[in-house]
Amino acid sequence: MTAFFRLPAWAAACVGVCLSLGAGAQTAASTCDQAWTEYNEFKQRNVMAPSEYALTVQGANVRANCGANALPAPPGSDTPHWVVRKPIKPPEKPKPPKTPKPTPP
């Protein structure tokens, strides 16, 4: 343990970076495995056409965590559709009140 403290600061920083990169790779692999597990469980619970499973949220999760080529899907299937809303018309201005008719005497 004392030999580690005798290393120059840059060497200790390199060791720290290497250890953190290894931990990041393990985390990415575990999220990919978890995404595949959720996708397969979804396929077991639901009945759909085989081509529609890749278009579900679980399929998008697999592509996001494991790469775009992990699960084939048509291009643009992970892009949300545009929501176009019509502008709201402002309320009409109130009409001025009519003048009352004079009463006959």
PDB file of N, CA and C in Angstrom:
ATOM      1  N   MET A   1       0.820  -1.190   0.000  1.00  0.00           N
ATOM      2  CA  MET A   1       0.000   0.000   0.000  1.00  0.00           C
ATOM      3  C   MET A   1       0.863   1.252   0.000  1.00  0.00           C
ATOM      4  N   THR A   2       2.032   1.183   0.626  1.00  0.00           N
ATOM      5  CA  THR A   2       2.887   2.354   0.670  1.00  0.00           C
ATOM      6  C   THR A   2       3.513   2.620  -0.689  1.00  0.00           C
ATOM      7  N   ALA A   3       3.660   1.581  -1.524  1.00  0.00           N
ATOM      8  CA  ALA A   3       4.243   1.773  -2.853  1.00  0.00           C
ATOM      9  C   ALA A   3       3.314   2.628  -3.713  1.00  0.00           C
ATOM     10  N   PHE A   4       2.023   2.531  -3.510  1.00  0.00           N
ATOM     11  CA  PHE A   4       1.067   3.317  -4.291  1.00  0.00           C
ATOM     12  C   PHE A   4       1.246   4.802  -4.019  1.00  0.00           C
ATOM     13  N   PHE A   5       1.516   5.140  -2.790  1.00  0.00           N
ATOM     14  CA  PHE A   5       1.672   6.541  -2.437  1.00  0.00           C
ATOM     15  C   PHE A   5       3.002   7.112  -2.929  1.00  0.00           C
ATOM     16  N   ARG A   6       3.941   6.266  -3.329  1.00  0.00           N
ATOM     17  CA  ARG A   6       5.220   6.736  -3.847  1.00  0.00           C
ATOM     18  C   ARG A   6       5.139   7.047  -5.344  1.00  0.00           C
ATOM     19  N   LEU A   7       4.041   6.677  -5.990  1.00  0.00           N
ATOM     20  CA  LEU A   7       3.881   6.973  -7.411  1.00  0.00           C
ATOM     21  C   LEU A   7       3.721   8.470  -7.618  1.00  0.00           C
ATOM     22  N   PRO A   8       4.154   8.966  -8.772  1.00  0.00           N
ATOM     23  CA  PRO A   8       3.895  10.374  -9.058  1.00  0.00           C
ATOM     24  C   PRO A   8       2.386  10.609  -9.197  1.00  0.00           C
ATOM     25  N   ALA A   9       1.980  11.851  -9.071  1.00  0.00           N
ATOM     26  CA  ALA A   9       0.557  12.192  -9.100  1.00  0.00           C
ATOM     27  C   ALA A   9      -0.075  11.813 -10.428  1.00  0.00           C
ATOM     28  N   TRP A  10       0.626  11.978 -11.547  1.00  0.00           N
ATOM     29  CA  TRP A  10       0.049  11.660 -12.844  1.00  0.00           C
ATOM     30  C   TRP A  10      -0.181  10.166 -12.985  1.00  0.00           C
ATOM     31  N   ALA A  11       0.686   9.336 -12.410  1.00  0.00           N
ATOM     32  CA  ALA A  11       0.525   7.882 -12.483  1.00  0.00           C
ATOM     33  C   ALA A  11      -0.680   7.453 -11.648  1.00  0.00           C
ATOM     34  N   ALA A  12      -0.847   8.060 -10.493  1.00  0.00           N
ATOM     35  CA  ALA A  12      -1.997   7.734  -9.653  1.00  0.00           C
ATOM     36  C   ALA A  12      -3.285   8.149 -10.350  1.00  0.00           C
ATOM     37  N   ALA A  13      -3.253   9.282 -11.058  1.00  0.00           N
ATOM     38  CA  ALA A  13      -4.436   9.734 -11.792  1.00  0.00           C
ATOM     39  C   ALA A  13      -4.762   8.763 -12.917  1.00  0.00           C
ATOM     40  N   CYS A  14      -3.744   8.258 -13.603  1.00  0.00           N
ATOM     41  CA  CYS A  14      -3.978   7.280 -14.685  1.00  0.00           C
ATOM     42  C   CYS A  14      -4.603   6.003 -14.148  1.00  0.00           C
ATOM     43  N   VAL A  15      -4.122   5.546 -13.000  1.00  0.00           N
ATOM     44  CA  VAL A  15      -4.696   4.346 -12.388  1.00  0.00           C
ATOM     45  C   VAL A  15      -6.157   4.585 -12.032  1.00  0.00           C
ATOM     46  N   GLY A  16      -6.460   5.749 -11.480  1.00  0.00           N
ATOM     47  CA  GLY A  16      -7.841   6.084 -11.123  1.00  0.00           C
ATOM     48  C   GLY A  16      -8.745   6.136 -12.346  1.00  0.00           C
ATOM     49  N   VAL A  17      -8.251   6.715 -13.431  1.00  0.00           N
ATOM     50  CA  VAL A  17      -9.042   6.796 -14.657  1.00  0.00           C
ATOM     51  C   VAL A  17      -9.307   5.406 -15.212  1.00  0.00           C
ATOM     52  N   CYS A  18      -8.298   4.552 -15.214  1.00  0.00           N
ATOM     53  CA  CYS A  18      -8.474   3.181 -15.721  1.00  0.00           C
ATOM     54  C   CYS A  18      -9.504   2.414 -14.905  1.00  0.00           C
ATOM     55  N   LEU A  19      -9.474   2.574 -13.598  1.00  0.00           N
ATOM     56  CA  LEU A  19     -10.445   1.886 -12.750  1.00  0.00           C
ATOM     57  C   LEU A  19     -11.855   2.399 -12.997  1.00  0.00           C
ATOM     58  N   SER A  20     -12.008   3.708 -13.192  1.00  0.00           N
ATOM     59  CA  SER A  20     -13.346   4.257 -13.412  1.00  0.00           C
ATOM     60  C   SER A  20     -13.881   3.863 -14.787  1.00  0.00           C
ATOM     61  N   LEU A  21     -13.029   3.761 -15.794  1.00  0.00           N
ATOM     62  CA  LEU A  21     -13.481   3.325 -17.116  1.00  0.00           C
ATOM     63  C   LEU A  21     -13.968   1.881 -17.082  1.00  0.00           C
ATOM     64  N   GLY A  22     -13.280   1.043 -16.332  1.00  0.00           N
ATOM     65  CA  GLY A  22     -13.704  -0.349 -16.194  1.00  0.00           C
ATOM     66  C   GLY A  22     -15.058  -0.452 -15.518  1.00  0.00           C
ATOM     67  N   ALA A  23     -15.302   0.378 -14.525  1.00  0.00           N
ATOM     68  CA  ALA A  23     -16.600   0.371 -13.835  1.00  0.00           C
ATOM     69  C   ALA A  23     -17.702   0.864 -14.765  1.00  0.00           C
ATOM     70  N   GLY A  24     -17.399   1.845 -15.611  1.00  0.00           N
ATOM     71  CA  GLY A  24     -18.382   2.351 -16.562  1.00  0.00           C
ATOM     72  C   GLY A  24     -18.755   1.303 -17.599  1.00  0.00           C
ATOM     73  N   ALA A  25     -17.797   0.504 -18.035  1.00  0.00           N
ATOM     74  CA  ALA A  25     -18.080  -0.550 -19.016  1.00  0.00           C
ATOM     75  C   ALA A  25     -18.963  -1.625 -18.402  1.00  0.00           C
ATOM     76  N   GLN A  26     -18.726  -1.952 -17.136  1.00  0.00           N
ATOM     77  CA  GLN A  26     -19.568  -2.950 -16.471  1.00  0.00           C
ATOM     78  C   GLN A  26     -20.990  -2.429 -16.307  1.00  0.00           C
ATOM     79  N   THR A  27     -21.157  -1.155 -16.010  1.00  0.00           N
ATOM     80  CA  THR A  27     -22.483  -0.571 -15.852  1.00  0.00           C
ATOM     81  C   THR A  27     -23.234  -0.588 -17.171  1.00  0.00           C
ATOM     82  N   ALA A  28     -22.534  -0.276 -18.279  1.00  0.00           N
ATOM     83  CA  ALA A  28     -23.177  -0.275 -19.593  1.00  0.00           C
ATOM     84  C   ALA A  28     -23.618  -1.679 -19.967  1.00  0.00           C
ATOM     85  N   ALA A  29     -22.809  -2.676 -19.663  1.00  0.00           N
ATOM     86  CA  ALA A  29     -23.175  -4.054 -19.979  1.00  0.00           C
ATOM     87  C   ALA A  29     -24.372  -4.491 -19.150  1.00  0.00           C
ATOM     88  N   SER A  30     -24.420  -4.084 -17.897  1.00  0.00           N
ATOM     89  CA  SER A  30     -25.538  -4.504 -17.058  1.00  0.00           C
ATOM     90  C   SER A  30     -26.839  -3.825 -17.483  1.00  0.00           C
ATOM     91  N   THR A  31     -26.788  -2.557 -17.932  1.00  0.00           N
ATOM     92  CA  THR A  31     -28.006  -1.904 -18.394  1.00  0.00           C
ATOM     93  C   THR A  31     -28.492  -2.538 -19.689  1.00  0.00           C
ATOM     94  N   CYS A  32     -27.565  -2.975 -20.537  1.00  0.00           N
ATOM     95  CA  CYS A  32     -27.945  -3.658 -21.776  1.00  0.00           C
ATOM     96  C   CYS A  32     -28.608  -4.999 -21.456  1.00  0.00           C
ATOM     97  N   ASP A  33     -28.021  -5.745 -20.537  1.00  0.00           N
ATOM     98  CA  ASP A  33     -28.609  -7.036 -20.144  1.00  0.00           C
ATOM     99  C   ASP A  33     -29.982  -6.843 -19.512  1.00  0.00           C
ATOM    100  N   GLN A  34     -30.121  -5.816 -18.698  1.00  0.00           N
ATOM    101  CA  GLN A  34     -31.406  -5.546 -18.059  1.00  0.00           C
ATOM    102  C   GLN A  34     -32.448  -5.150 -19.101  1.00  0.00           C
ATOM    103  N   ALA A  35     -32.058  -4.369 -20.106  1.00  0.00           N
ATOM    104  CA  ALA A  35     -32.987  -3.978 -21.160  1.00  0.00           C
ATOM    105  C   ALA A  35     -33.462  -5.199 -21.947  1.00  0.00           C
ATOM    106  N   TRP A  36     -32.543  -6.125 -22.252  1.00  0.00           N
ATOM    107  CA  TRP A  36     -32.931  -7.346 -22.964  1.00  0.00           C
ATOM    108  C   TRP A  36     -33.858  -8.203 -22.107  1.00  0.00           C
ATOM    109  N   THR A  37     -33.603  -8.262 -20.807  1.00  0.00           N
ATOM    110  CA  THR A  37     -34.459  -9.043 -19.916  1.00  0.00           C
ATOM    111  C   THR A  37     -35.867  -8.475 -19.906  1.00  0.00           C
ATOM    112  N   GLU A  38     -35.989  -7.152 -19.806  1.00  0.00           N
ATOM    113  CA  GLU A  38     -37.320  -6.521 -19.816  1.00  0.00           C
ATOM    114  C   GLU A  38     -38.019  -6.742 -21.154  1.00  0.00           C
ATOM    115  N   TYR A  39     -37.269  -6.684 -22.245  1.00  0.00           N
ATOM    116  CA  TYR A  39     -37.841  -6.887 -23.584  1.00  0.00           C
ATOM    117  C   TYR A  39     -38.374  -8.317 -23.722  1.00  0.00           C
ATOM    118  N   ASN A  40     -37.582  -9.289 -23.283  1.00  0.00           N
ATOM    119  CA  ASN A  40     -38.012 -10.696 -23.394  1.00  0.00           C
ATOM    120  C   ASN A  40     -39.208 -10.988 -22.493  1.00  0.00           C
ATOM    121  N   GLU A  41     -39.245 -10.404 -21.296  1.00  0.00           N
ATOM    122  CA  GLU A  41     -40.407 -10.583 -20.419  1.00  0.00           C
ATOM    123  C   GLU A  41     -41.655  -9.964 -21.040  1.00  0.00           C
ATOM    124  N   PHE A  42     -41.506  -8.817 -21.685  1.00  0.00           N
ATOM    125  CA  PHE A  42     -42.632  -8.167 -22.357  1.00  0.00           C
ATOM    126  C   PHE A  42     -43.156  -9.053 -23.489  1.00  0.00           C
ATOM    127  N   LYS A  43     -42.237  -9.658 -24.238  1.00  0.00           N
ATOM    128  CA  LYS A  43     -42.656 -10.540 -25.331  1.00  0.00           C
ATOM    129  C   LYS A  43     -43.416 -11.756 -24.798  1.00  0.00           C
ATOM    130  N   GLN A  44     -43.031 -12.258 -23.637  1.00  0.00           N
ATOM    131  CA  GLN A  44     -43.712 -13.428 -23.069  1.00  0.00           C
ATOM    132  C   GLN A  44     -45.104 -13.068 -22.565  1.00  0.00           C
ATOM    133  N   ARG A  45     -45.280 -11.843 -22.048  1.00  0.00           N
ATOM    134  CA  ARG A  45     -46.564 -11.447 -21.475  1.00  0.00           C
ATOM    135  C   ARG A  45     -47.578 -10.974 -22.514  1.00  0.00           C
ATOM    136  N   ASN A  46     -47.127 -10.529 -23.687  1.00  0.00           N
ATOM    137  CA  ASN A  46     -48.016  -9.910 -24.665  1.00  0.00           C
ATOM    138  C   ASN A  46     -47.986 -10.665 -25.989  1.00  0.00           C
ATOM    139  N   VAL A  47     -49.089 -10.573 -26.708  1.00  0.00           N
ATOM    140  CA  VAL A  47     -49.179 -11.199 -28.022  1.00  0.00           C
ATOM    141  C   VAL A  47     -49.324 -10.103 -29.065  1.00  0.00           C
ATOM    142  N   MET A  48     -48.351 -10.040 -29.969  1.00  0.00           N
ATOM    143  CA  MET A  48     -48.344  -9.043 -31.035  1.00  0.00           C
ATOM    144  C   MET A  48     -47.768  -9.700 -32.282  1.00  0.00           C
ATOM    145  N   ALA A  49     -47.857  -8.984 -33.381  1.00  0.00           N
ATOM    146  CA  ALA A  49     -47.157  -9.427 -34.585  1.00  0.00           C
ATOM    147  C   ALA A  49     -45.657  -9.345 -34.299  1.00  0.00           C
ATOM    148  N   PRO A  50     -44.869 -10.296 -34.784  1.00  0.00           N
ATOM    149  CA  PRO A  50     -43.431 -10.287 -34.453  1.00  0.00           C
ATOM    150  C   PRO A  50     -42.712  -8.993 -34.822  1.00  0.00           C
ATOM    151  N   SER A  51     -43.131  -8.322 -35.874  1.00  0.00           N
ATOM    152  CA  SER A  51     -42.445  -7.091 -36.269  1.00  0.00           C
ATOM    153  C   SER A  51     -42.784  -5.910 -35.359  1.00  0.00           C
ATOM    154  N   GLU A  52     -43.841  -6.018 -34.552  1.00  0.00           N
ATOM    155  CA  GLU A  52     -44.258  -4.906 -33.702  1.00  0.00           C
ATOM    156  C   GLU A  52     -43.533  -4.865 -32.363  1.00  0.00           C
ATOM    157  N   TYR A  53     -42.916  -5.951 -31.938  1.00  0.00           N
ATOM    158  CA  TYR A  53     -42.226  -5.956 -30.651  1.00  0.00           C
ATOM    159  C   TYR A  53     -41.077  -4.945 -30.625  1.00  0.00           C
ATOM    160  N   ALA A  54     -40.388  -4.797 -31.748  1.00  0.00           N
ATOM    161  CA  ALA A  54     -39.255  -3.868 -31.791  1.00  0.00           C
ATOM    162  C   ALA A  54     -39.703  -2.418 -31.704  1.00  0.00           C
ATOM    163  N   LEU A  55     -40.981  -2.150 -31.975  1.00  0.00           N
ATOM    164  CA  LEU A  55     -41.478  -0.775 -31.964  1.00  0.00           C
ATOM    165  C   LEU A  55     -42.018  -0.352 -30.604  1.00  0.00           C
ATOM    166  N   THR A  56     -41.920  -1.201 -29.604  1.00  0.00           N
ATOM    167  CA  THR A  56     -42.430  -0.877 -28.274  1.00  0.00           C
ATOM    168  C   THR A  56     -41.392  -0.081 -27.483  1.00  0.00           C
ATOM    169  N   VAL A  57     -41.788   0.374 -26.320  1.00  0.00           N
ATOM    170  CA  VAL A  57     -40.880   1.119 -25.441  1.00  0.00           C
ATOM    171  C   VAL A  57     -39.722   0.228 -25.022  1.00  0.00           C
ATOM    172  N   GLN A  58     -40.003  -1.047 -24.784  1.00  0.00           N
ATOM    173  CA  GLN A  58     -38.943  -1.970 -24.387  1.00  0.00           C
ATOM    174  C   GLN A  58     -37.924  -2.143 -25.517  1.00  0.00           C
ATOM    175  N   GLY A  59     -38.402  -2.188 -26.755  1.00  0.00           N
ATOM    176  CA  GLY A  59     -37.488  -2.282 -27.894  1.00  0.00           C
ATOM    177  C   GLY A  59     -36.627  -1.039 -28.026  1.00  0.00           C
ATOM    178  N   ALA A  60     -37.221   0.123 -27.811  1.00  0.00           N
ATOM    179  CA  ALA A  60     -36.456   1.371 -27.856  1.00  0.00           C
ATOM    180  C   ALA A  60     -35.419   1.404 -26.745  1.00  0.00           C
ATOM    181  N   ASN A  61     -35.761   0.854 -25.590  1.00  0.00           N
ATOM    182  CA  ASN A  61     -34.820   0.798 -24.477  1.00  0.00           C
ATOM    183  C   ASN A  61     -33.627  -0.093 -24.821  1.00  0.00           C
ATOM    184  N   VAL A  62     -33.879  -1.206 -25.509  1.00  0.00           N
ATOM    185  CA  VAL A  62     -32.781  -2.081 -25.934  1.00  0.00           C
ATOM    186  C   VAL A  62     -31.868  -1.341 -26.905  1.00  0.00           C
ATOM    187  N   ARG A  63     -32.447  -0.646 -27.876  1.00  0.00           N
ATOM    188  CA  ARG A  63     -31.623   0.079 -28.847  1.00  0.00           C
ATOM    189  C   ARG A  63     -30.842   1.204 -28.180  1.00  0.00           C
ATOM    190  N   ALA A  64     -31.428   1.851 -27.183  1.00  0.00           N
ATOM    191  CA  ALA A  64     -30.732   2.947 -26.503  1.00  0.00           C
ATOM    192  C   ALA A  64     -29.560   2.445 -25.672  1.00  0.00           C
ATOM    193  N   ASN A  65     -29.715   1.288 -25.033  1.00  0.00           N
ATOM    194  CA  ASN A  65     -28.669   0.791 -24.136  1.00  0.00           C
ATOM    195  C   ASN A  65     -27.663  -0.124 -24.812  1.00  0.00           C
ATOM    196  N   CYS A  66     -28.056  -0.800 -25.897  1.00  0.00           N
ATOM    197  CA  CYS A  66     -27.179  -1.795 -26.507  1.00  0.00           C
ATOM    198  C   CYS A  66     -26.700  -1.395 -27.896  1.00  0.00           C
ATOM    199  N   GLY A  67     -27.175  -0.312 -28.431  1.00  0.00           N
ATOM    200  CA  GLY A  67     -26.771   0.118 -29.768  1.00  0.00           C
ATOM    201  C   GLY A  67     -27.923  -0.009 -30.738  1.00  0.00           C
ATOM    202  N   ALA A  68     -27.881   0.780 -31.789  1.00  0.00           N
ATOM    203  CA  ALA A  68     -28.982   0.818 -32.755  1.00  0.00           C
ATOM    204  C   ALA A  68     -29.133  -0.492 -33.513  1.00  0.00           C
ATOM    205  N   ASN A  69     -28.045  -1.234 -33.666  1.00  0.00           N
ATOM    206  CA  ASN A  69     -28.107  -2.489 -34.423  1.00  0.00           C
ATOM    207  C   ASN A  69     -28.489  -3.686 -33.560  1.00  0.00           C
ATOM    208  N   ALA A  70     -28.706  -3.482 -32.280  1.00  0.00           N
ATOM    209  CA  ALA A  70     -29.040  -4.605 -31.394  1.00  0.00           C
ATOM    210  C   ALA A  70     -30.409  -5.178 -31.703  1.00  0.00           C
ATOM    211  N   LEU A  71     -31.325  -4.341 -32.142  1.00  0.00           N
ATOM    212  CA  LEU A  71     -32.688  -4.772 -32.430  1.00  0.00           C
ATOM    213  C   LEU A  71     -33.148  -4.011 -33.667  1.00  0.00           C
ATOM    214  N   PRO A  72     -33.379  -4.711 -34.770  1.00  0.00           N
ATOM    215  CA  PRO A  72     -33.738  -3.979 -35.997  1.00  0.00           C
ATOM    216  C   PRO A  72     -35.099  -3.303 -35.877  1.00  0.00           C
ATOM    217  N   ALA A  73     -35.154  -2.082 -36.368  1.00  0.00           N
ATOM    218  CA  ALA A  73     -36.399  -1.308 -36.394  1.00  0.00           C
ATOM    219  C   ALA A  73     -36.320  -0.349 -37.573  1.00  0.00           C
ATOM    220  N   PRO A  74     -37.455   0.046 -38.127  1.00  0.00           N
ATOM    221  CA  PRO A  74     -37.411   0.993 -39.239  1.00  0.00           C
ATOM    222  C   PRO A  74     -36.788   2.318 -38.813  1.00  0.00           C
ATOM    223  N   PRO A  75     -36.127   3.004 -39.745  1.00  0.00           N
ATOM    224  CA  PRO A  75     -35.527   4.287 -39.384  1.00  0.00           C
ATOM    225  C   PRO A  75     -36.581   5.282 -38.920  1.00  0.00           C
ATOM    226  N   GLY A  76     -36.253   6.025 -37.894  1.00  0.00           N
ATOM    227  CA  GLY A  76     -37.164   7.041 -37.378  1.00  0.00           C
ATOM    228  C   GLY A  76     -38.195   6.521 -36.399  1.00  0.00           C
ATOM    229  N   SER A  77     -38.143   5.235 -36.067  1.00  0.00           N
ATOM    230  CA  SER A  77     -39.157   4.701 -35.153  1.00  0.00           C
ATOM    231  C   SER A  77     -38.937   5.154 -33.715  1.00  0.00           C
ATOM    232  N   ASP A  78     -37.727   5.574 -33.379  1.00  0.00           N
ATOM    233  CA  ASP A  78     -37.457   6.047 -32.020  1.00  0.00           C
ATOM    234  C   ASP A  78     -37.656   7.549 -31.878  1.00  0.00           C
ATOM    235  N   THR A  79     -37.947   8.228 -32.967  1.00  0.00           N
ATOM    236  CA  THR A  79     -38.166   9.667 -32.930  1.00  0.00           C
ATOM    237  C   THR A  79     -39.645   9.933 -32.678  1.00  0.00           C
ATOM    238  N   PRO A  80     -39.984  10.703 -31.667  1.00  0.00           N
ATOM    239  CA  PRO A  80     -41.398  10.953 -31.408  1.00  0.00           C
ATOM    240  C   PRO A  80     -42.032  11.778 -32.524  1.00  0.00           C
ATOM    241  N   HIS A  81     -43.316  11.585 -32.720  1.00  0.00           N
ATOM    242  CA  HIS A  81     -44.042  12.319 -33.736  1.00  0.00           C
ATOM    243  C   HIS A  81     -44.230  13.765 -33.282  1.00  0.00           C
ATOM    244  N   TRP A  82     -44.326  14.650 -34.273  1.00  0.00           N
ATOM    245  CA  TRP A  82     -44.587  16.046 -33.969  1.00  0.00           C
ATOM    246  C   TRP A  82     -46.031  16.205 -33.549  1.00  0.00           C
ATOM    247  N   VAL A  83     -46.256  16.989 -32.534  1.00  0.00           N
ATOM    248  CA  VAL A  83     -47.609  17.298 -32.099  1.00  0.00           C
ATOM    249  C   VAL A  83     -47.896  18.725 -32.550  1.00  0.00           C
ATOM    250  N   VAL A  84     -48.839  18.848 -33.474  1.00  0.00           N
ATOM    251  CA  VAL A  84     -49.180  20.160 -34.006  1.00  0.00           C
ATOM    252  C   VAL A  84     -50.510  20.572 -33.391  1.00  0.00           C
ATOM    253  N   ARG A  85     -50.491  21.679 -32.703  1.00  0.00           N
ATOM    254  CA  ARG A  85     -51.709  22.167 -32.064  1.00  0.00           C
ATOM    255  C   ARG A  85     -52.152  23.440 -32.769  1.00  0.00           C
ATOM    256  N   LYS A  86     -53.458  23.552 -32.944  1.00  0.00           N
ATOM    257  CA  LYS A  86     -53.993  24.769 -33.543  1.00  0.00           C
ATOM    258  C   LYS A  86     -53.938  25.884 -32.503  1.00  0.00           C
ATOM    259  N   PRO A  87     -53.636  27.089 -32.947  1.00  0.00           N
ATOM    260  CA  PRO A  87     -53.612  28.182 -31.970  1.00  0.00           C
ATOM    261  C   PRO A  87     -55.017  28.456 -31.437  1.00  0.00           C
ATOM    262  N   ILE A  88     -55.066  28.845 -30.205  1.00  0.00           N
ATOM    263  CA  ILE A  88     -56.344  29.128 -29.561  1.00  0.00           C
ATOM    264  C   ILE A  88     -56.780  30.530 -29.968  1.00  0.00           C
ATOM    265  N   LYS A  89     -58.028  30.626 -30.413  1.00  0.00           N
ATOM    266  CA  LYS A  89     -58.547  31.935 -30.813  1.00  0.00           C
ATOM    267  C   LYS A  89     -58.801  32.762 -29.554  1.00  0.00           C
ATOM    268  N   PRO A  90     -58.482  34.045 -29.624  1.00  0.00           N
ATOM    269  CA  PRO A  90     -58.775  34.892 -28.457  1.00  0.00           C
ATOM    270  C   PRO A  90     -60.286  35.062 -28.331  1.00  0.00           C
ATOM    271  N   PRO A  91     -60.757  35.256 -27.129  1.00  0.00           N
ATOM    272  CA  PRO A  91     -62.210  35.421 -26.966  1.00  0.00           C
ATOM    273  C   PRO A  91     -62.693  36.690 -27.673  1.00  0.00           C
ATOM    274  N   GLU A  92     -63.924  36.627 -28.134  1.00  0.00           N
ATOM    275  CA  GLU A  92     -64.488  37.789 -28.827  1.00  0.00           C
ATOM    276  C   GLU A  92     -64.707  38.928 -27.825  1.00  0.00           C
ATOM    277  N   LYS A  93     -64.559  40.145 -28.340  1.00  0.00           N
ATOM    278  CA  LYS A  93     -64.784  41.305 -27.482  1.00  0.00           C
ATOM    279  C   LYS A  93     -66.281  41.430 -27.246  1.00  0.00           C
ATOM    280  N   PRO A  94     -66.669  41.824 -26.059  1.00  0.00           N
ATOM    281  CA  PRO A  94     -68.110  41.957 -25.801  1.00  0.00           C
ATOM    282  C   PRO A  94     -68.711  43.078 -26.643  1.00  0.00           C
ATOM    283  N   LYS A  95     -69.907  42.843 -27.094  1.00  0.00           N
ATOM    284  CA  LYS A  95     -70.593  43.850 -27.900  1.00  0.00           C
ATOM    285  C   LYS A  95     -71.124  44.945 -26.962  1.00  0.00           C
ATOM    286  N   PRO A  96     -71.146  46.182 -27.460  1.00  0.00           N
ATOM    287  CA  PRO A  96     -71.671  47.249 -26.584  1.00  0.00           C
ATOM    288  C   PRO A  96     -73.176  47.048 -26.355  1.00  0.00           C
ATOM    289  N   PRO A  97     -73.668  47.417 -25.192  1.00  0.00           N
ATOM    290  CA  PRO A  97     -75.088  47.217 -24.920  1.00  0.00           C
ATOM    291  C   PRO A  97     -75.944  48.084 -25.843  1.00  0.00           C
ATOM    292  N   LYS A  98     -77.133  47.564 -26.175  1.00  0.00           N
ATOM    293  CA  LYS A  98     -78.056  48.325 -27.021  1.00  0.00           C
ATOM    294  C   LYS A  98     -78.703  49.431 -26.186  1.00  0.00           C
ATOM    295  N   THR A  99     -78.992  50.509 -26.847  1.00  0.00           N
ATOM    296  CA  THR A  99     -79.652  51.601 -26.151  1.00  0.00           C
ATOM    297  C   THR A  99     -81.125  51.210 -25.931  1.00  0.00           C
ATOM    298  N   PRO A 100     -81.659  51.462 -24.769  1.00  0.00           N
ATOM    299  CA  PRO A 100     -83.032  51.065 -24.500  1.00  0.00           C
ATOM    300  C   PRO A 100     -84.029  51.916 -25.300  1.00  0.00           C
ATOM    301  N   LYS A 101     -85.120  51.286 -25.681  1.00  0.00           N
ATOM    302  CA  LYS A 101     -86.167  52.007 -26.420  1.00  0.00           C
ATOM    303  C   LYS A 101     -86.930  52.886 -25.415  1.00  0.00           C
ATOM    304  N   PRO A 102     -87.270  54.091 -25.865  1.00  0.00           N
ATOM    305  CA  PRO A 102     -88.028  54.946 -24.937  1.00  0.00           C
ATOM    306  C   PRO A 102     -89.441  54.380 -24.745  1.00  0.00           C
ATOM    307  N   THR A 103     -89.948  54.484 -23.566  1.00  0.00           N
ATOM    308  CA  THR A 103     -91.292  53.988 -23.276  1.00  0.00           C
ATOM    309  C   THR A 103     -92.331  55.013 -23.727  1.00  0.00           C
ATOM    310  N   PRO A 104     -93.456  54.586 -24.310  1.00  0.00           N
ATOM    311  CA  PRO A 104     -94.467  55.559 -24.749  1.00  0.00           C
ATOM    312  C   PRO A 104     -95.190  56.174 -23.542  1.00  0.00           C
ATOM    313  N   PRO A 105     -95.569  57.469 -23.617  1.00  0.00           N
ATOM    314  CA  PRO A 105     -96.243  58.118 -22.475  1.00  0.00           C
ATOM    315  C   PRO A 105     -97.706  57.802 -22.362  1.00  0.00           C
TER     316      PRO A 105
END
